[in-house]
Amino acid sequence: MSEQIDNFTNNLRDKLNDIDDRLSSVKLTLELASKEAQATIESKLKEVKARLETKRQEFNTYRIDLKRQAEEKQAEVKSKVEAWKTNREIEELNRRADRAEDYAAGEIVVAMAADR
């Protein structure tokens, strides 16, 4: 009977040792998987940050280009407005000169008529 108990306890000890070994193996596998997952996540995070920085630089370049285009367009419009103002002033001065010539010609006619 003692031999049966010894066999039973030895068999039970062997099974417990196997379970403990398997548990240690599972624990190690989980730790490795966790580290691999963390490394994958960090890698993906670095990729996303790099893409974000690239997009940010592209956006800044685009914004600077739009600002430059807006300034050029504003200068062009301002130049056209100045040209229109200048042309309008010239046309107004020409009209005034024409009216002054017409008035002077009329006064000459009146003066000549008064002399007769």
C-alpha atoms as a PDB file:
ATOM      1  CA  MET A   1       0.000   0.000   0.000  1.00  0.00           C
ATOM      2  CA  SER A   2       2.832   2.354   0.778  1.00  0.00           C
ATOM      3  CA  GLU A   3       4.222   1.709  -2.671  1.00  0.00           C
ATOM      4  CA  GLN A   4       0.903   2.677  -4.236  1.00  0.00           C
ATOM      5  CA  ILE A   5       0.834   5.915  -2.251  1.00  0.00           C
ATOM      6  CA  ASP A   6       4.430   6.664  -3.241  1.00  0.00           C
ATOM      7  CA  ASN A   7       3.597   6.016  -6.903  1.00  0.00           C
ATOM      8  CA  PHE A   8       0.493   8.182  -6.615  1.00  0.00           C
ATOM      9  CA  THR A   9       2.397  11.057  -4.984  1.00  0.00           C
ATOM     10  CA  ASN A  10       5.268  10.760  -7.486  1.00  0.00           C
ATOM     11  CA  ASN A  11       2.790  10.708 -10.352  1.00  0.00           C
ATOM     12  CA  LEU A  12       0.950  13.683  -8.880  1.00  0.00           C
ATOM     13  CA  ARG A  13       4.255  15.555  -8.342  1.00  0.00           C
ATOM     14  CA  ASP A  14       5.258  14.882 -11.977  1.00  0.00           C
ATOM     15  CA  LYS A  15       1.913  16.181 -13.209  1.00  0.00           C
ATOM     16  CA  LEU A  16       2.204  19.292 -11.017  1.00  0.00           C
ATOM     17  CA  ASN A  17       5.733  19.890 -12.310  1.00  0.00           C
ATOM     18  CA  ASP A  18       4.466  19.543 -15.902  1.00  0.00           C
ATOM     19  CA  ILE A  19       1.664  22.013 -15.162  1.00  0.00           C
ATOM     20  CA  ASP A  20       4.152  24.405 -13.577  1.00  0.00           C
ATOM     21  CA  ASP A  21       6.465  24.123 -16.621  1.00  0.00           C
ATOM     22  CA  ARG A  22       3.563  24.725 -18.998  1.00  0.00           C
ATOM     23  CA  LEU A  23       2.407  27.682 -16.919  1.00  0.00           C
ATOM     24  CA  SER A  24       5.920  29.172 -17.007  1.00  0.00           C
ATOM     25  CA  SER A  25       6.040  28.607 -20.756  1.00  0.00           C
ATOM     26  CA  VAL A  26       2.650  30.305 -21.246  1.00  0.00           C
ATOM     27  CA  LYS A  27       3.757  33.183 -19.022  1.00  0.00           C
ATOM     28  CA  LEU A  28       6.950  33.619 -21.063  1.00  0.00           C
ATOM     29  CA  THR A  29       4.976  33.423 -24.311  1.00  0.00           C
ATOM     30  CA  LEU A  30       2.551  36.077 -23.062  1.00  0.00           C
ATOM     31  CA  GLU A  31       5.396  38.347 -21.994  1.00  0.00           C
ATOM     32  CA  LEU A  32       7.063  37.975 -25.408  1.00  0.00           C
ATOM     33  CA  ALA A  33       3.752  38.580 -27.180  1.00  0.00           C
ATOM     34  CA  SER A  34       3.180  41.648 -25.018  1.00  0.00           C
ATOM     35  CA  LYS A  35       6.643  42.993 -25.825  1.00  0.00           C
ATOM     36  CA  GLU A  36       6.161  42.266 -29.526  1.00  0.00           C
ATOM     37  CA  ALA A  37       2.779  43.993 -29.482  1.00  0.00           C
ATOM     38  CA  GLN A  38       4.273  46.974 -27.694  1.00  0.00           C
ATOM     39  CA  ALA A  39       7.143  47.123 -30.183  1.00  0.00           C
ATOM     40  CA  THR A  40       4.664  46.916 -33.083  1.00  0.00           C
ATOM     41  CA  ILE A  41       2.542  49.672 -31.584  1.00  0.00           C
ATOM     42  CA  GLU A  42       5.600  51.879 -31.031  1.00  0.00           C
ATOM     43  CA  SER A  43       6.730  51.233 -34.595  1.00  0.00           C
ATOM     44  CA  LYS A  44       3.302  52.144 -35.972  1.00  0.00           C
ATOM     45  CA  LEU A  45       3.237  55.219 -33.750  1.00  0.00           C
ATOM     46  CA  LYS A  46       6.602  56.354 -35.141  1.00  0.00           C
ATOM     47  CA  GLU A  47       5.317  55.816 -38.695  1.00  0.00           C
ATOM     48  CA  VAL A  48       2.175  57.828 -37.967  1.00  0.00           C
ATOM     49  CA  LYS A  49       4.203  60.618 -36.375  1.00  0.00           C
ATOM     50  CA  ALA A  50       6.527  60.695 -39.395  1.00  0.00           C
ATOM     51  CA  ARG A  51       3.564  60.848 -41.792  1.00  0.00           C
ATOM     52  CA  LEU A  52       1.956  63.550 -39.656  1.00  0.00           C
ATOM     53  CA  GLU A  53       5.141  65.607 -39.735  1.00  0.00           C
ATOM     54  CA  THR A  54       5.376  65.158 -43.505  1.00  0.00           C
ATOM     55  CA  LYS A  55       1.758  66.278 -43.919  1.00  0.00           C
ATOM     56  CA  ARG A  56       2.384  69.206 -41.583  1.00  0.00           C
ATOM     57  CA  GLN A  57       5.346  70.309 -43.709  1.00  0.00           C
ATOM     58  CA  GLU A  58       3.305  69.884 -46.899  1.00  0.00           C
ATOM     59  CA  PHE A  59       0.511  71.936 -45.355  1.00  0.00           C
ATOM     60  CA  ASN A  60       2.934  74.687 -44.314  1.00  0.00           C
ATOM     61  CA  THR A  61       4.398  74.759 -47.821  1.00  0.00           C
ATOM     62  CA  TYR A  62       0.900  74.920 -49.289  1.00  0.00           C
ATOM     63  CA  ARG A  63      -0.102  77.674 -46.848  1.00  0.00           C
ATOM     64  CA  ILE A  64       2.994  79.719 -47.692  1.00  0.00           C
ATOM     65  CA  ASP A  65       2.305  79.261 -51.405  1.00  0.00           C
ATOM     66  CA  LEU A  66      -1.312  80.380 -50.980  1.00  0.00           C
ATOM     67  CA  LYS A  67      -0.198  83.392 -48.965  1.00  0.00           C
ATOM     68  CA  ARG A  68       2.295  84.329 -51.674  1.00  0.00           C
ATOM     69  CA  GLN A  69      -0.357  83.952 -54.377  1.00  0.00           C
ATOM     70  CA  ALA A  70      -2.796  86.078 -52.372  1.00  0.00           C
ATOM     71  CA  GLU A  71      -0.182  88.798 -51.918  1.00  0.00           C
ATOM     72  CA  GLU A  72       0.620  88.744 -55.643  1.00  0.00           C
ATOM     73  CA  LYS A  73      -3.073  88.959 -56.523  1.00  0.00           C
ATOM     74  CA  GLN A  74      -3.566  91.775 -54.020  1.00  0.00           C
ATOM     75  CA  ALA A  75      -0.635  93.705 -55.524  1.00  0.00           C
ATOM     76  CA  GLU A  76      -2.015  93.103 -59.035  1.00  0.00           C
ATOM     77  CA  VAL A  77      -5.477  94.341 -58.060  1.00  0.00           C
ATOM     78  CA  LYS A  78      -3.989  97.351 -56.286  1.00  0.00           C
ATOM     79  CA  SER A  79      -1.956  98.157 -59.390  1.00  0.00           C
ATOM     80  CA  LYS A  80      -5.050  97.918 -61.597  1.00  0.00           C
ATOM     81  CA  VAL A  81      -7.033 100.152 -59.243  1.00  0.00           C
ATOM     82  CA  GLU A  82      -4.232 102.725 -59.285  1.00  0.00           C
ATOM     83  CA  ALA A  83      -4.148 102.556 -63.091  1.00  0.00           C
ATOM     84  CA  TRP A  84      -7.931 103.035 -63.240  1.00  0.00           C
ATOM     85  CA  LYS A  85      -7.703 106.009 -60.879  1.00  0.00           C
ATOM     86  CA  THR A  86      -4.921 107.547 -62.951  1.00  0.00           C
ATOM     87  CA  ASN A  87      -6.872 107.031 -66.188  1.00  0.00           C
ATOM     88  CA  ARG A  88      -9.999 108.490 -64.610  1.00  0.00           C
ATOM     89  CA  GLU A  89      -8.061 111.555 -63.403  1.00  0.00           C
ATOM     90  CA  ILE A  90      -6.516 112.000 -66.857  1.00  0.00           C
ATOM     91  CA  GLU A  91      -9.937 111.703 -68.494  1.00  0.00           C
ATOM     92  CA  GLU A  92     -11.377 114.216 -66.003  1.00  0.00           C
ATOM     93  CA  LEU A  93      -8.509 116.628 -66.675  1.00  0.00           C
ATOM     94  CA  ASN A  94      -9.017 116.233 -70.435  1.00  0.00           C
ATOM     95  CA  ARG A  95     -12.752 116.973 -70.040  1.00  0.00           C
ATOM     96  CA  ARG A  96     -11.957 120.047 -67.977  1.00  0.00           C
ATOM     97  CA  ALA A  97      -9.416 121.189 -70.553  1.00  0.00           C
ATOM     98  CA  ASP A  98     -11.956 120.650 -73.353  1.00  0.00           C
ATOM     99  CA  ARG A  99     -14.584 122.638 -71.428  1.00  0.00           C
ATOM    100  CA  ALA A 100     -12.049 125.399 -70.763  1.00  0.00           C
ATOM    101  CA  GLU A 101     -11.183 125.494 -74.484  1.00  0.00           C
ATOM    102  CA  ASP A 102     -14.882 125.582 -75.389  1.00  0.00           C
ATOM    103  CA  TYR A 103     -15.473 128.362 -72.856  1.00  0.00           C
ATOM    104  CA  ALA A 104     -12.464 130.311 -74.154  1.00  0.00           C
ATOM    105  CA  ALA A 105     -13.641 129.876 -77.744  1.00  0.00           C
ATOM    106  CA  GLY A 106     -17.109 131.096 -76.716  1.00  0.00           C
ATOM    107  CA  GLU A 107     -15.636 134.121 -74.940  1.00  0.00           C
ATOM    108  CA  ILE A 108     -13.591 134.927 -78.024  1.00  0.00           C
ATOM    109  CA  VAL A 109     -16.749 134.836 -80.141  1.00  0.00           C
ATOM    110  CA  VAL A 110     -18.556 137.069 -77.615  1.00  0.00           C
ATOM    111  CA  ALA A 111     -15.597 139.471 -77.531  1.00  0.00           C
ATOM    112  CA  MET A 112     -15.456 139.633 -81.323  1.00  0.00           C
ATOM    113  CA  ALA A 113     -19.198 140.222 -81.493  1.00  0.00           C
ATOM    114  CA  ALA A 114     -18.936 142.995 -78.933  1.00  0.00           C
ATOM    115  CA  ASP A 115     -16.258 144.753 -80.993  1.00  0.00           C
ATOM    116  CA  ARG A 116     -18.457 145.026 -84.068  1.00  0.00           C
END
